[in-house]
Amino acid sequence: MPSFDVVSKVDMQEIDNAVNQARKEIEQRYDFKGTKNEIELAKDALNILAAGDQKLDAVLEILRGKLARRNLSPKCLDYGKRETASHDQVRMKISIVQGISKEKGKEVVQAIKDSKLKVQAQIMEDQVRVTGKKIDDLQEVIQLLKGKDFDIELQFVNMRD
């Protein structure tokens, strides 16, 4: 029976490359000279420390640009709150979204059921598996999901016949 998986995965090597490029640009830009601005890549999060709100906005803009240039969706980042740090600095933690949460998985499954296509969708850990008798139905599901906005980046993998 034909099937495919709906996943939300981020290439961490590309994230690392984008962070390194953003760091280099911050070090070289004139408006950042003499201030402490850092981007640190943890296991599944980015920690940003900036010398004020305006500098934080500029650092985020640089980071978004570098991610976009590497074809990484801005939906893969979950921005935390701005926190004040010592010496008038501002800190922010940005989580990197990996996998489909249970709530988002339920939204995806419900959208597939509402389409009335003859396919079955089930949540399997951090992905959704869609099975059907015809590949054409599965391709219609892919087009349907691409057309909807679930606030996460979706990829379609493991297409089996």
C-alpha atoms as a PDB file:
ATOM      1  CA  MET A   1       0.000   0.000   0.000  1.00  0.00           C
ATOM      2  CA  PRO A   2       1.535   3.361  -1.024  1.00  0.00           C
ATOM      3  CA  SER A   3       2.526   5.694   1.819  1.00  0.00           C
ATOM      4  CA  PHE A   4       4.667   8.681   2.758  1.00  0.00           C
ATOM      5  CA  ASP A   5       5.707  10.500   5.933  1.00  0.00           C
ATOM      6  CA  VAL A   6       5.125  14.138   6.818  1.00  0.00           C
ATOM      7  CA  VAL A   7       8.043  15.398   8.916  1.00  0.00           C
ATOM      8  CA  SER A   8       9.497  18.670  10.160  1.00  0.00           C
ATOM      9  CA  LYS A   9      13.264  18.379  10.275  1.00  0.00           C
ATOM     10  CA  VAL A  10      15.973  21.029  10.193  1.00  0.00           C
ATOM     11  CA  ASP A  11      19.478  20.486   8.813  1.00  0.00           C
ATOM     12  CA  MET A  12      21.601  21.378  11.860  1.00  0.00           C
ATOM     13  CA  GLN A  13      24.742  21.706   9.715  1.00  0.00           C
ATOM     14  CA  GLU A  14      23.037  24.460   7.724  1.00  0.00           C
ATOM     15  CA  ILE A  15      21.972  26.161  10.980  1.00  0.00           C
ATOM     16  CA  ASP A  16      25.595  25.981  12.174  1.00  0.00           C
ATOM     17  CA  ASN A  17      26.833  27.469   8.891  1.00  0.00           C
ATOM     18  CA  ALA A  18      24.286  30.314   9.065  1.00  0.00           C
ATOM     19  CA  VAL A  19      25.256  31.079  12.694  1.00  0.00           C
ATOM     20  CA  ASN A  20      28.960  31.164  11.790  1.00  0.00           C
ATOM     21  CA  GLN A  21      28.285  33.526   8.879  1.00  0.00           C
ATOM     22  CA  ALA A  22      26.173  35.778  11.120  1.00  0.00           C
ATOM     23  CA  ARG A  23      28.965  35.854  13.737  1.00  0.00           C
ATOM     24  CA  LYS A  24      31.500  36.935  11.097  1.00  0.00           C
ATOM     25  CA  GLU A  25      29.240  39.704   9.838  1.00  0.00           C
ATOM     26  CA  ILE A  26      28.594  40.976  13.389  1.00  0.00           C
ATOM     27  CA  GLU A  27      32.353  41.067  14.081  1.00  0.00           C
ATOM     28  CA  GLN A  28      32.986  43.071  10.904  1.00  0.00           C
ATOM     29  CA  ARG A  29      30.121  45.577  11.013  1.00  0.00           C
ATOM     30  CA  TYR A  30      30.969  49.077  12.136  1.00  0.00           C
ATOM     31  CA  ASP A  31      27.775  49.606  14.162  1.00  0.00           C
ATOM     32  CA  PHE A  32      28.700  46.633  16.392  1.00  0.00           C
ATOM     33  CA  LYS A  33      32.270  47.793  17.144  1.00  0.00           C
ATOM     34  CA  GLY A  34      33.017  48.124  20.858  1.00  0.00           C
ATOM     35  CA  THR A  35      29.878  46.264  21.992  1.00  0.00           C
ATOM     36  CA  LYS A  36      29.386  42.672  23.086  1.00  0.00           C
ATOM     37  CA  ASN A  37      27.057  40.770  20.761  1.00  0.00           C
ATOM     38  CA  GLU A  38      27.061  36.970  20.652  1.00  0.00           C
ATOM     39  CA  ILE A  39      25.218  34.110  18.979  1.00  0.00           C
ATOM     40  CA  GLU A  40      25.759  30.716  20.568  1.00  0.00           C
ATOM     41  CA  LEU A  41      24.471  27.471  19.066  1.00  0.00           C
ATOM     42  CA  ALA A  42      23.448  24.947  21.726  1.00  0.00           C
ATOM     43  CA  LYS A  43      22.108  21.441  20.989  1.00  0.00           C
ATOM     44  CA  ASP A  44      18.592  22.518  19.984  1.00  0.00           C
ATOM     45  CA  ALA A  45      18.581  26.265  20.629  1.00  0.00           C
ATOM     46  CA  LEU A  46      20.308  29.539  19.839  1.00  0.00           C
ATOM     47  CA  ASN A  47      21.339  31.861  22.658  1.00  0.00           C
ATOM     48  CA  ILE A  48      21.727  35.493  21.654  1.00  0.00           C
ATOM     49  CA  LEU A  49      23.281  38.199  23.806  1.00  0.00           C
ATOM     50  CA  ALA A  50      23.207  41.779  22.516  1.00  0.00           C
ATOM     51  CA  ALA A  51      24.159  45.221  23.798  1.00  0.00           C
ATOM     52  CA  GLY A  52      20.556  46.505  23.802  1.00  0.00           C
ATOM     53  CA  ASP A  53      17.197  46.131  22.078  1.00  0.00           C
ATOM     54  CA  GLN A  54      18.291  47.776  18.831  1.00  0.00           C
ATOM     55  CA  LYS A  55      21.405  45.614  18.614  1.00  0.00           C
ATOM     56  CA  LEU A  56      19.292  42.504  19.311  1.00  0.00           C
ATOM     57  CA  ASP A  57      16.939  43.436  16.466  1.00  0.00           C
ATOM     58  CA  ALA A  58      19.935  43.914  14.157  1.00  0.00           C
ATOM     59  CA  VAL A  59      21.462  40.565  15.198  1.00  0.00           C
ATOM     60  CA  LEU A  60      18.115  38.797  14.586  1.00  0.00           C
ATOM     61  CA  GLU A  61      17.810  40.445  11.158  1.00  0.00           C
ATOM     62  CA  ILE A  62      21.329  39.300  10.208  1.00  0.00           C
ATOM     63  CA  LEU A  63      20.549  35.770  11.426  1.00  0.00           C
ATOM     64  CA  ARG A  64      17.258  35.610   9.482  1.00  0.00           C
ATOM     65  CA  GLY A  65      19.057  36.746   6.338  1.00  0.00           C
ATOM     66  CA  LYS A  66      21.726  34.078   6.694  1.00  0.00           C
ATOM     67  CA  LEU A  67      19.085  31.385   7.304  1.00  0.00           C
ATOM     68  CA  ALA A  68      17.080  32.495   4.264  1.00  0.00           C
ATOM     69  CA  ARG A  69      20.195  32.435   2.079  1.00  0.00           C
ATOM     70  CA  ARG A  70      20.675  28.784   3.095  1.00  0.00           C
ATOM     71  CA  ASN A  71      17.035  27.906   2.264  1.00  0.00           C
ATOM     72  CA  LEU A  72      16.057  27.420   5.914  1.00  0.00           C
ATOM     73  CA  SER A  73      12.529  28.477   6.767  1.00  0.00           C
ATOM     74  CA  PRO A  74      12.018  31.074   9.515  1.00  0.00           C
ATOM     75  CA  LYS A  75       9.291  28.724  10.810  1.00  0.00           C
ATOM     76  CA  CYS A  76      12.012  26.440  12.172  1.00  0.00           C
ATOM     77  CA  LEU A  77      12.743  28.985  14.930  1.00  0.00           C
ATOM     78  CA  ASP A  78      10.617  29.550  18.033  1.00  0.00           C
ATOM     79  CA  TYR A  79      11.551  32.917  19.545  1.00  0.00           C
ATOM     80  CA  GLY A  80      11.635  33.217  23.325  1.00  0.00           C
ATOM     81  CA  LYS A  81      11.219  36.322  25.468  1.00  0.00           C
ATOM     82  CA  ARG A  82      13.659  39.200  25.633  1.00  0.00           C
ATOM     83  CA  GLU A  83      15.365  39.176  29.008  1.00  0.00           C
ATOM     84  CA  THR A  84      17.527  41.893  30.473  1.00  0.00           C
ATOM     85  CA  ALA A  85      21.058  40.884  31.393  1.00  0.00           C
ATOM     86  CA  SER A  86      23.807  42.730  33.236  1.00  0.00           C
ATOM     87  CA  HIS A  87      25.337  45.945  31.835  1.00  0.00           C
ATOM     88  CA  ASP A  88      22.171  46.926  29.893  1.00  0.00           C
ATOM     89  CA  GLN A  89      22.454  43.844  27.692  1.00  0.00           C
ATOM     90  CA  VAL A  90      19.522  41.874  26.297  1.00  0.00           C
ATOM     91  CA  ARG A  91      19.348  38.072  26.064  1.00  0.00           C
ATOM     92  CA  MET A  92      17.055  35.867  23.986  1.00  0.00           C
ATOM     93  CA  LYS A  93      16.759  32.109  23.617  1.00  0.00           C
ATOM     94  CA  ILE A  94      15.503  30.789  20.291  1.00  0.00           C
ATOM     95  CA  SER A  95      14.428  27.135  20.146  1.00  0.00           C
ATOM     96  CA  ILE A  96      15.007  25.155  16.965  1.00  0.00           C
ATOM     97  CA  VAL A  97      11.810  23.274  16.131  1.00  0.00           C
ATOM     98  CA  GLN A  98      12.462  19.632  15.247  1.00  0.00           C
ATOM     99  CA  GLY A  99       9.640  17.174  14.620  1.00  0.00           C
ATOM    100  CA  ILE A 100       5.883  17.624  14.640  1.00  0.00           C
ATOM    101  CA  SER A 101       4.316  18.114  18.070  1.00  0.00           C
ATOM    102  CA  LYS A 102       1.191  16.160  19.048  1.00  0.00           C
ATOM    103  CA  GLU A 103      -0.998  19.271  18.638  1.00  0.00           C
ATOM    104  CA  LYS A 104       0.384  20.073  15.168  1.00  0.00           C
ATOM    105  CA  GLY A 105       0.119  16.388  14.238  1.00  0.00           C
ATOM    106  CA  LYS A 106      -3.570  16.450  15.163  1.00  0.00           C
ATOM    107  CA  GLU A 107      -4.056  19.579  13.012  1.00  0.00           C
ATOM    108  CA  VAL A 108      -2.377  17.859  10.037  1.00  0.00           C
ATOM    109  CA  VAL A 109      -4.455  14.677  10.473  1.00  0.00           C
ATOM    110  CA  GLN A 110      -7.664  16.728  10.799  1.00  0.00           C
ATOM    111  CA  ALA A 111      -6.865  18.688   7.619  1.00  0.00           C
ATOM    112  CA  ILE A 112      -6.342  15.400   5.767  1.00  0.00           C
ATOM    113  CA  LYS A 113      -9.632  13.959   7.113  1.00  0.00           C
ATOM    114  CA  ASP A 114     -11.518  17.148   6.196  1.00  0.00           C
ATOM    115  CA  SER A 115     -10.314  16.797   2.584  1.00  0.00           C
ATOM    116  CA  LYS A 116     -12.470  13.628   2.202  1.00  0.00           C
ATOM    117  CA  LEU A 117      -9.687  11.903   0.245  1.00  0.00           C
ATOM    118  CA  LYS A 118      -9.506   8.124   0.544  1.00  0.00           C
ATOM    119  CA  VAL A 119      -6.355   8.033   2.676  1.00  0.00           C
ATOM    120  CA  GLN A 120      -5.515   7.259   6.291  1.00  0.00           C
ATOM    121  CA  ALA A 121      -3.278   9.447   8.437  1.00  0.00           C
ATOM    122  CA  GLN A 122      -1.779   8.481  11.758  1.00  0.00           C
ATOM    123  CA  ILE A 123       0.616  10.193  14.158  1.00  0.00           C
ATOM    124  CA  MET A 124       3.842   8.271  14.759  1.00  0.00           C
ATOM    125  CA  GLU A 125       6.021   9.961  17.407  1.00  0.00           C
ATOM    126  CA  ASP A 126       7.172  13.219  15.758  1.00  0.00           C
ATOM    127  CA  GLN A 127       5.831  12.550  12.250  1.00  0.00           C
ATOM    128  CA  VAL A 128       2.577  11.749  10.437  1.00  0.00           C
ATOM    129  CA  ARG A 129       2.288   8.713   8.149  1.00  0.00           C
ATOM    130  CA  VAL A 130      -0.240   8.895   5.316  1.00  0.00           C
ATOM    131  CA  THR A 131      -1.319   5.725   3.480  1.00  0.00           C
ATOM    132  CA  GLY A 132      -3.742   5.228   0.606  1.00  0.00           C
ATOM    133  CA  LYS A 133      -4.600   2.885  -2.249  1.00  0.00           C
ATOM    134  CA  LYS A 134      -3.668   5.323  -5.035  1.00  0.00           C
ATOM    135  CA  ILE A 135      -0.506   7.384  -5.399  1.00  0.00           C
ATOM    136  CA  ASP A 136      -2.628  10.138  -6.973  1.00  0.00           C
ATOM    137  CA  ASP A 137      -4.532  10.507  -3.681  1.00  0.00           C
ATOM    138  CA  LEU A 138      -1.237  10.785  -1.791  1.00  0.00           C
ATOM    139  CA  GLN A 139      -0.020  13.471  -4.202  1.00  0.00           C
ATOM    140  CA  GLU A 140      -3.268  15.387  -3.653  1.00  0.00           C
ATOM    141  CA  VAL A 141      -2.648  15.221   0.114  1.00  0.00           C
ATOM    142  CA  ILE A 142       0.856  16.643  -0.390  1.00  0.00           C
ATOM    143  CA  GLN A 143      -0.555  19.536  -2.449  1.00  0.00           C
ATOM    144  CA  LEU A 144      -3.264  20.119   0.165  1.00  0.00           C
ATOM    145  CA  LEU A 145      -0.725  20.279   3.006  1.00  0.00           C
ATOM    146  CA  LYS A 146       1.606  22.553   1.035  1.00  0.00           C
ATOM    147  CA  GLY A 147      -1.302  24.959   0.593  1.00  0.00           C
ATOM    148  CA  LYS A 148      -2.070  25.175   4.319  1.00  0.00           C
ATOM    149  CA  ASP A 149      -0.078  27.024   6.962  1.00  0.00           C
ATOM    150  CA  PHE A 150       0.606  25.010  10.128  1.00  0.00           C
ATOM    151  CA  ASP A 151       3.287  27.422  11.480  1.00  0.00           C
ATOM    152  CA  ILE A 152       5.930  24.733  10.986  1.00  0.00           C
ATOM    153  CA  GLU A 153       7.981  23.739   7.967  1.00  0.00           C
ATOM    154  CA  LEU A 154       6.755  20.431   6.517  1.00  0.00           C
ATOM    155  CA  GLN A 155       8.724  17.970   4.390  1.00  0.00           C
ATOM    156  CA  PHE A 156       7.370  14.897   2.641  1.00  0.00           C
ATOM    157  CA  VAL A 157       9.693  11.883   2.755  1.00  0.00           C
ATOM    158  CA  ASN A 158       9.731   8.078   2.363  1.00  0.00           C
ATOM    159  CA  MET A 159       7.288   7.923  -0.557  1.00  0.00           C
ATOM    160  CA  ARG A 160       6.700   4.184  -0.977  1.00  0.00           C
ATOM    161  CA  ASP A 161       4.765   2.386  -3.666  1.00  0.00           C
END
